Amino acid sequence: MYAALAAFGAPLQKDGLTSEDFSSPNLIYQIGIAPVRVDVMTQISGVLFAEAWPRRVAAVAG
């Protein structure tokens, strides 16, 4: 996640984040200002990774 956000141009170092931060539960990282803000959440209620991962959909954007 860290590498993808860095490639996107997110100011991760300026915001004091490391790649390890994205393995912590309950992290919310916000990029931009609403209504065009992007929220990256490492955990959401009601969704278990082990159940969601097999149902993922691969896609190419752009």
PDB file of N, CA and C in Angstrom:
ATOM      1  N   MET A   1       0.819  -1.172   0.000  1.00  0.00           N
ATOM      2  CA  MET A   1       0.000   0.000   0.000  1.00  0.00           C
ATOM      3  C   MET A   1       0.877   1.254   0.000  1.00  0.00           C
ATOM      4  N   TYR A   2       1.915   1.238   0.807  1.00  0.00           N
ATOM      5  CA  TYR A   2       2.807   2.394   0.903  1.00  0.00           C
ATOM      6  C   TYR A   2       3.418   2.717  -0.463  1.00  0.00           C
ATOM      7  N   ALA A   3       3.925   1.704  -1.146  1.00  0.00           N
ATOM      8  CA  ALA A   3       4.560   1.921  -2.452  1.00  0.00           C
ATOM      9  C   ALA A   3       3.558   2.461  -3.468  1.00  0.00           C
ATOM     10  N   ALA A   4       2.338   1.945  -3.444  1.00  0.00           N
ATOM     11  CA  ALA A   4       1.311   2.409  -4.378  1.00  0.00           C
ATOM     12  C   ALA A   4       0.948   3.866  -4.102  1.00  0.00           C
ATOM     13  N   LEU A   5       0.785   4.215  -2.839  1.00  0.00           N
ATOM     14  CA  LEU A   5       0.459   5.596  -2.491  1.00  0.00           C
ATOM     15  C   LEU A   5       1.607   6.540  -2.833  1.00  0.00           C
ATOM     16  N   ALA A   6       2.841   6.092  -2.609  1.00  0.00           N
ATOM     17  CA  ALA A   6       4.007   6.911  -2.953  1.00  0.00           C
ATOM     18  C   ALA A   6       4.066   7.147  -4.462  1.00  0.00           C
ATOM     19  N   ALA A   7       3.798   6.109  -5.250  1.00  0.00           N
ATOM     20  CA  ALA A   7       3.795   6.250  -6.708  1.00  0.00           C
ATOM     21  C   ALA A   7       2.681   7.190  -7.164  1.00  0.00           C
ATOM     22  N   PHE A   8       1.589   7.214  -6.424  1.00  0.00           N
ATOM     23  CA  PHE A   8       0.452   8.093  -6.706  1.00  0.00           C
ATOM     24  C   PHE A   8       0.791   9.546  -6.384  1.00  0.00           C
ATOM     25  N   GLY A   9       1.798   9.750  -5.541  1.00  0.00           N
ATOM     26  CA  GLY A   9       2.213  11.098  -5.179  1.00  0.00           C
ATOM     27  C   GLY A   9       1.753  11.544  -3.804  1.00  0.00           C
ATOM     28  N   ALA A  10       1.284  10.609  -2.989  1.00  0.00           N
ATOM     29  CA  ALA A  10       0.842  10.950  -1.634  1.00  0.00           C
ATOM     30  C   ALA A  10       2.032  11.428  -0.804  1.00  0.00           C
ATOM     31  N   PRO A  11       1.848  12.458   0.002  1.00  0.00           N
ATOM     32  CA  PRO A  11       2.953  13.008   0.805  1.00  0.00           C
ATOM     33  C   PRO A  11       3.207  12.194   2.075  1.00  0.00           C
ATOM     34  N   LEU A  12       3.563  10.946   1.911  1.00  0.00           N
ATOM     35  CA  LEU A  12       3.698  10.029   3.043  1.00  0.00           C
ATOM     36  C   LEU A  12       4.791  10.452   4.015  1.00  0.00           C
ATOM     37  N   GLN A  13       5.959  10.810   3.505  1.00  0.00           N
ATOM     38  CA  GLN A  13       7.057  11.216   4.392  1.00  0.00           C
ATOM     39  C   GLN A  13       6.711  12.511   5.116  1.00  0.00           C
ATOM     40  N   LYS A  14       6.113  13.446   4.402  1.00  0.00           N
ATOM     41  CA  LYS A  14       5.704  14.711   5.017  1.00  0.00           C
ATOM     42  C   LYS A  14       4.699  14.457   6.134  1.00  0.00           C
ATOM     43  N   ASP A  15       3.826  13.475   5.935  1.00  0.00           N
ATOM     44  CA  ASP A  15       2.813  13.137   6.933  1.00  0.00           C
ATOM     45  C   ASP A  15       3.354  12.223   8.027  1.00  0.00           C
ATOM     46  N   GLY A  16       4.639  11.838   7.929  1.00  0.00           N
ATOM     47  CA  GLY A  16       5.269  11.037   8.973  1.00  0.00           C
ATOM     48  C   GLY A  16       4.863   9.577   8.984  1.00  0.00           C
ATOM     49  N   LEU A  17       4.477   9.043   7.831  1.00  0.00           N
ATOM     50  CA  LEU A  17       4.042   7.647   7.758  1.00  0.00           C
ATOM     51  C   LEU A  17       5.138   6.743   7.223  1.00  0.00           C
ATOM     52  N   THR A  18       5.138   5.507   7.694  1.00  0.00           N
ATOM     53  CA  THR A  18       6.046   4.470   7.201  1.00  0.00           C
ATOM     54  C   THR A  18       5.206   3.324   6.649  1.00  0.00           C
ATOM     55  N   SER A  19       5.854   2.410   5.966  1.00  0.00           N
ATOM     56  CA  SER A  19       5.120   1.254   5.433  1.00  0.00           C
ATOM     57  C   SER A  19       4.518   0.420   6.559  1.00  0.00           C
ATOM     58  N   GLU A  20       5.174   0.399   7.710  1.00  0.00           N
ATOM     59  CA  GLU A  20       4.664  -0.368   8.848  1.00  0.00           C
ATOM     60  C   GLU A  20       3.338   0.193   9.363  1.00  0.00           C
ATOM     61  N   ASP A  21       3.132   1.479   9.215  1.00  0.00           N
ATOM     62  CA  ASP A  21       1.880   2.085   9.679  1.00  0.00           C
ATOM     63  C   ASP A  21       0.662   1.468   8.992  1.00  0.00           C
ATOM     64  N   PHE A  22       0.829   1.035   7.755  1.00  0.00           N
ATOM     65  CA  PHE A  22      -0.300   0.495   7.002  1.00  0.00           C
ATOM     66  C   PHE A  22      -0.626  -0.951   7.367  1.00  0.00           C
ATOM     67  N   SER A  23       0.141  -1.536   8.270  1.00  0.00           N
ATOM     68  CA  SER A  23      -0.207  -2.868   8.782  1.00  0.00           C
ATOM     69  C   SER A  23      -0.875  -2.765  10.150  1.00  0.00           C
ATOM     70  N   SER A  24      -1.055  -1.546  10.631  1.00  0.00           N
ATOM     71  CA  SER A  24      -1.720  -1.324  11.917  1.00  0.00           C
ATOM     72  C   SER A  24      -3.232  -1.232  11.710  1.00  0.00           C
ATOM     73  N   PRO A  25      -4.002  -1.900  12.567  1.00  0.00           N
ATOM     74  CA  PRO A  25      -5.461  -1.780  12.446  1.00  0.00           C
ATOM     75  C   PRO A  25      -5.913  -0.370  12.830  1.00  0.00           C
ATOM     76  N   ASN A  26      -7.008   0.029  12.257  1.00  0.00           N
ATOM     77  CA  ASN A  26      -7.666   1.303  12.581  1.00  0.00           C
ATOM     78  C   ASN A  26      -6.937   2.552  12.098  1.00  0.00           C
ATOM     79  N   LEU A  27      -6.009   2.415  11.155  1.00  0.00           N
ATOM     80  CA  LEU A  27      -5.378   3.594  10.563  1.00  0.00           C
ATOM     81  C   LEU A  27      -6.319   4.169   9.509  1.00  0.00           C
ATOM     82  N   ILE A  28      -6.505   5.468   9.542  1.00  0.00           N
ATOM     83  CA  ILE A  28      -7.230   6.168   8.484  1.00  0.00           C
ATOM     84  C   ILE A  28      -6.287   7.241   7.954  1.00  0.00           C
ATOM     85  N   TYR A  29      -5.938   7.135   6.677  1.00  0.00           N
ATOM     86  CA  TYR A  29      -5.052   8.107   6.040  1.00  0.00           C
ATOM     87  C   TYR A  29      -5.870   8.843   4.989  1.00  0.00           C
ATOM     88  N   GLN A  30      -5.915  10.160   5.096  1.00  0.00           N
ATOM     89  CA  GLN A  30      -6.723  10.963   4.194  1.00  0.00           C
ATOM     90  C   GLN A  30      -5.821  11.793   3.294  1.00  0.00           C
ATOM     91  N   ILE A  31      -6.161  11.782   2.004  1.00  0.00           N
ATOM     92  CA  ILE A  31      -5.422  12.556   1.010  1.00  0.00           C
ATOM     93  C   ILE A  31      -6.412  13.510   0.359  1.00  0.00           C
ATOM     94  N   GLY A  32      -6.106  14.785   0.381  1.00  0.00           N
ATOM     95  CA  GLY A  32      -6.965  15.763  -0.266  1.00  0.00           C
ATOM     96  C   GLY A  32      -8.010  16.342   0.669  1.00  0.00           C
ATOM     97  N   ILE A  33      -8.925  17.090   0.067  1.00  0.00           N
ATOM     98  CA  ILE A  33      -9.975  17.783   0.799  1.00  0.00           C
ATOM     99  C   ILE A  33     -11.322  17.382   0.204  1.00  0.00           C
ATOM    100  N   ALA A  34     -12.287  17.093   1.085  1.00  0.00           N
ATOM    101  CA  ALA A  34     -13.636  16.737   0.629  1.00  0.00           C
ATOM    102  C   ALA A  34     -14.171  17.849  -0.271  1.00  0.00           C
ATOM    103  N   PRO A  35     -14.873  17.531  -1.303  1.00  0.00           N
ATOM    104  CA  PRO A  35     -15.487  16.247  -1.638  1.00  0.00           C
ATOM    105  C   PRO A  35     -14.624  15.344  -2.518  1.00  0.00           C
ATOM    106  N   VAL A  36     -13.386  15.724  -2.763  1.00  0.00           N
ATOM    107  CA  VAL A  36     -12.522  14.881  -3.599  1.00  0.00           C
ATOM    108  C   VAL A  36     -11.409  14.243  -2.777  1.00  0.00           C
ATOM    109  N   ARG A  37     -11.675  14.004  -1.519  1.00  0.00           N
ATOM    110  CA  ARG A  37     -10.707  13.385  -0.611  1.00  0.00           C
ATOM    111  C   ARG A  37     -10.725  11.874  -0.792  1.00  0.00           C
ATOM    112  N   VAL A  38      -9.563  11.264  -0.640  1.00  0.00           N
ATOM    113  CA  VAL A  38      -9.431   9.808  -0.650  1.00  0.00           C
ATOM    114  C   VAL A  38      -9.129   9.368   0.781  1.00  0.00           C
ATOM    115  N   ASP A  39      -9.919   8.425   1.297  1.00  0.00           N
ATOM    116  CA  ASP A  39      -9.699   7.863   2.628  1.00  0.00           C
ATOM    117  C   ASP A  39      -9.179   6.442   2.480  1.00  0.00           C
ATOM    118  N   VAL A  40      -8.021   6.167   3.067  1.00  0.00           N
ATOM    119  CA  VAL A  40      -7.458   4.817   3.078  1.00  0.00           C
ATOM    120  C   VAL A  40      -7.607   4.292   4.499  1.00  0.00           C
ATOM    121  N   MET A  41      -8.363   3.196   4.656  1.00  0.00           N
ATOM    122  CA  MET A  41      -8.613   2.614   5.976  1.00  0.00           C
ATOM    123  C   MET A  41      -8.048   1.203   6.013  1.00  0.00           C
ATOM    124  N   THR A  42      -7.293   0.893   7.049  1.00  0.00           N
ATOM    125  CA  THR A  42      -6.681  -0.433   7.147  1.00  0.00           C
ATOM    126  C   THR A  42      -7.623  -1.470   7.735  1.00  0.00           C
ATOM    127  N   GLN A  43      -8.741  -1.033   8.284  1.00  0.00           N
ATOM    128  CA  GLN A  43      -9.721  -1.970   8.834  1.00  0.00           C
ATOM    129  C   GLN A  43     -11.081  -1.290   8.825  1.00  0.00           C
ATOM    130  N   ILE A  44     -12.127  -2.047   8.458  1.00  0.00           N
ATOM    131  CA  ILE A  44     -13.487  -1.524   8.520  1.00  0.00           C
ATOM    132  C   ILE A  44     -14.367  -2.535   9.224  1.00  0.00           C
ATOM    133  N   SER A  45     -15.358  -2.052   9.938  1.00  0.00           N
ATOM    134  CA  SER A  45     -16.231  -2.956  10.685  1.00  0.00           C
ATOM    135  C   SER A  45     -17.103  -3.761   9.729  1.00  0.00           C
ATOM    136  N   GLY A  46     -17.380  -4.990  10.115  1.00  0.00           N
ATOM    137  CA  GLY A  46     -18.257  -5.848   9.332  1.00  0.00           C
ATOM    138  C   GLY A  46     -17.586  -6.594   8.199  1.00  0.00           C
ATOM    139  N   VAL A  47     -16.291  -6.379   7.984  1.00  0.00           N
ATOM    140  CA  VAL A  47     -15.576  -7.046   6.894  1.00  0.00           C
ATOM    141  C   VAL A  47     -14.334  -7.721   7.467  1.00  0.00           C
ATOM    142  N   LEU A  48     -14.235  -9.012   7.250  1.00  0.00           N
ATOM    143  CA  LEU A  48     -13.043  -9.758   7.649  1.00  0.00           C
ATOM    144  C   LEU A  48     -12.201 -10.021   6.409  1.00  0.00           C
ATOM    145  N   PHE A  49     -10.915  -9.749   6.491  1.00  0.00           N
ATOM    146  CA  PHE A  49     -10.030  -9.910   5.340  1.00  0.00           C
ATOM    147  C   PHE A  49     -10.110 -11.316   4.765  1.00  0.00           C
ATOM    148  N   ALA A  50     -10.083 -12.321   5.632  1.00  0.00           N
ATOM    149  CA  ALA A  50     -10.081 -13.718   5.175  1.00  0.00           C
ATOM    150  C   ALA A  50     -11.335 -14.058   4.375  1.00  0.00           C
ATOM    151  N   GLU A  51     -12.437 -13.388   4.652  1.00  0.00           N
ATOM    152  CA  GLU A  51     -13.669 -13.629   3.899  1.00  0.00           C
ATOM    153  C   GLU A  51     -13.740 -12.775   2.634  1.00  0.00           C
ATOM    154  N   ALA A  52     -13.203 -11.572   2.689  1.00  0.00           N
ATOM    155  CA  ALA A  52     -13.293 -10.659   1.552  1.00  0.00           C
ATOM    156  C   ALA A  52     -12.281 -10.975   0.451  1.00  0.00           C
ATOM    157  N   TRP A  53     -11.080 -11.382   0.807  1.00  0.00           N
ATOM    158  CA  TRP A  53     -10.009 -11.586  -0.177  1.00  0.00           C
ATOM    159  C   TRP A  53     -10.374 -12.580  -1.277  1.00  0.00           C
ATOM    160  N   PRO A  54     -10.968 -13.731  -0.967  1.00  0.00           N
ATOM    161  CA  PRO A  54     -11.320 -14.658  -2.048  1.00  0.00           C
ATOM    162  C   PRO A  54     -12.375 -14.097  -3.008  1.00  0.00           C
ATOM    163  N   ARG A  55     -13.110 -13.088  -2.589  1.00  0.00           N
ATOM    164  CA  ARG A  55     -14.171 -12.515  -3.417  1.00  0.00           C
ATOM    165  C   ARG A  55     -13.729 -11.242  -4.134  1.00  0.00           C
ATOM    166  N   ARG A  56     -12.430 -10.935  -4.100  1.00  0.00           N
ATOM    167  CA  ARG A  56     -11.928  -9.706  -4.714  1.00  0.00           C
ATOM    168  C   ARG A  56     -12.135  -9.733  -6.230  1.00  0.00           C
ATOM    169  N   VAL A  57     -12.141  -8.557  -6.818  1.00  0.00           N
ATOM    170  CA  VAL A  57     -12.270  -8.403  -8.261  1.00  0.00           C
ATOM    171  C   VAL A  57     -11.050  -7.633  -8.750  1.00  0.00           C
ATOM    172  N   ALA A  58     -10.294  -8.245  -9.640  1.00  0.00           N
ATOM    173  CA  ALA A  58      -9.118  -7.582 -10.206  1.00  0.00           C
ATOM    174  C   ALA A  58      -9.559  -6.682 -11.358  1.00  0.00           C
ATOM    175  N   ALA A  59      -8.972  -5.489 -11.432  1.00  0.00           N
ATOM    176  CA  ALA A  59      -9.321  -4.551 -12.492  1.00  0.00           C
ATOM    177  C   ALA A  59      -8.124  -3.666 -12.792  1.00  0.00           C
ATOM    178  N   VAL A  60      -8.111  -3.123 -13.977  1.00  0.00           N
ATOM    179  CA  VAL A  60      -7.080  -2.178 -14.374  1.00  0.00           C
ATOM    180  C   VAL A  60      -7.759  -0.832 -14.582  1.00  0.00           C
ATOM    181  N   ALA A  61      -7.268   0.183 -13.907  1.00  0.00           N
ATOM    182  CA  ALA A  61      -7.833   1.524 -14.050  1.00  0.00           C
ATOM    183  C   ALA A  61      -6.933   2.353 -14.957  1.00  0.00           C
ATOM    184  N   GLY A  62      -7.558   3.196 -15.720  1.00  0.00           N
ATOM    185  CA  GLY A  62      -6.770   4.108 -16.534  1.00  0.00           C
ATOM    186  C   GLY A  62      -6.719   3.773 -17.919  1.00  0.00           C
TER     187      GLY A  62
END
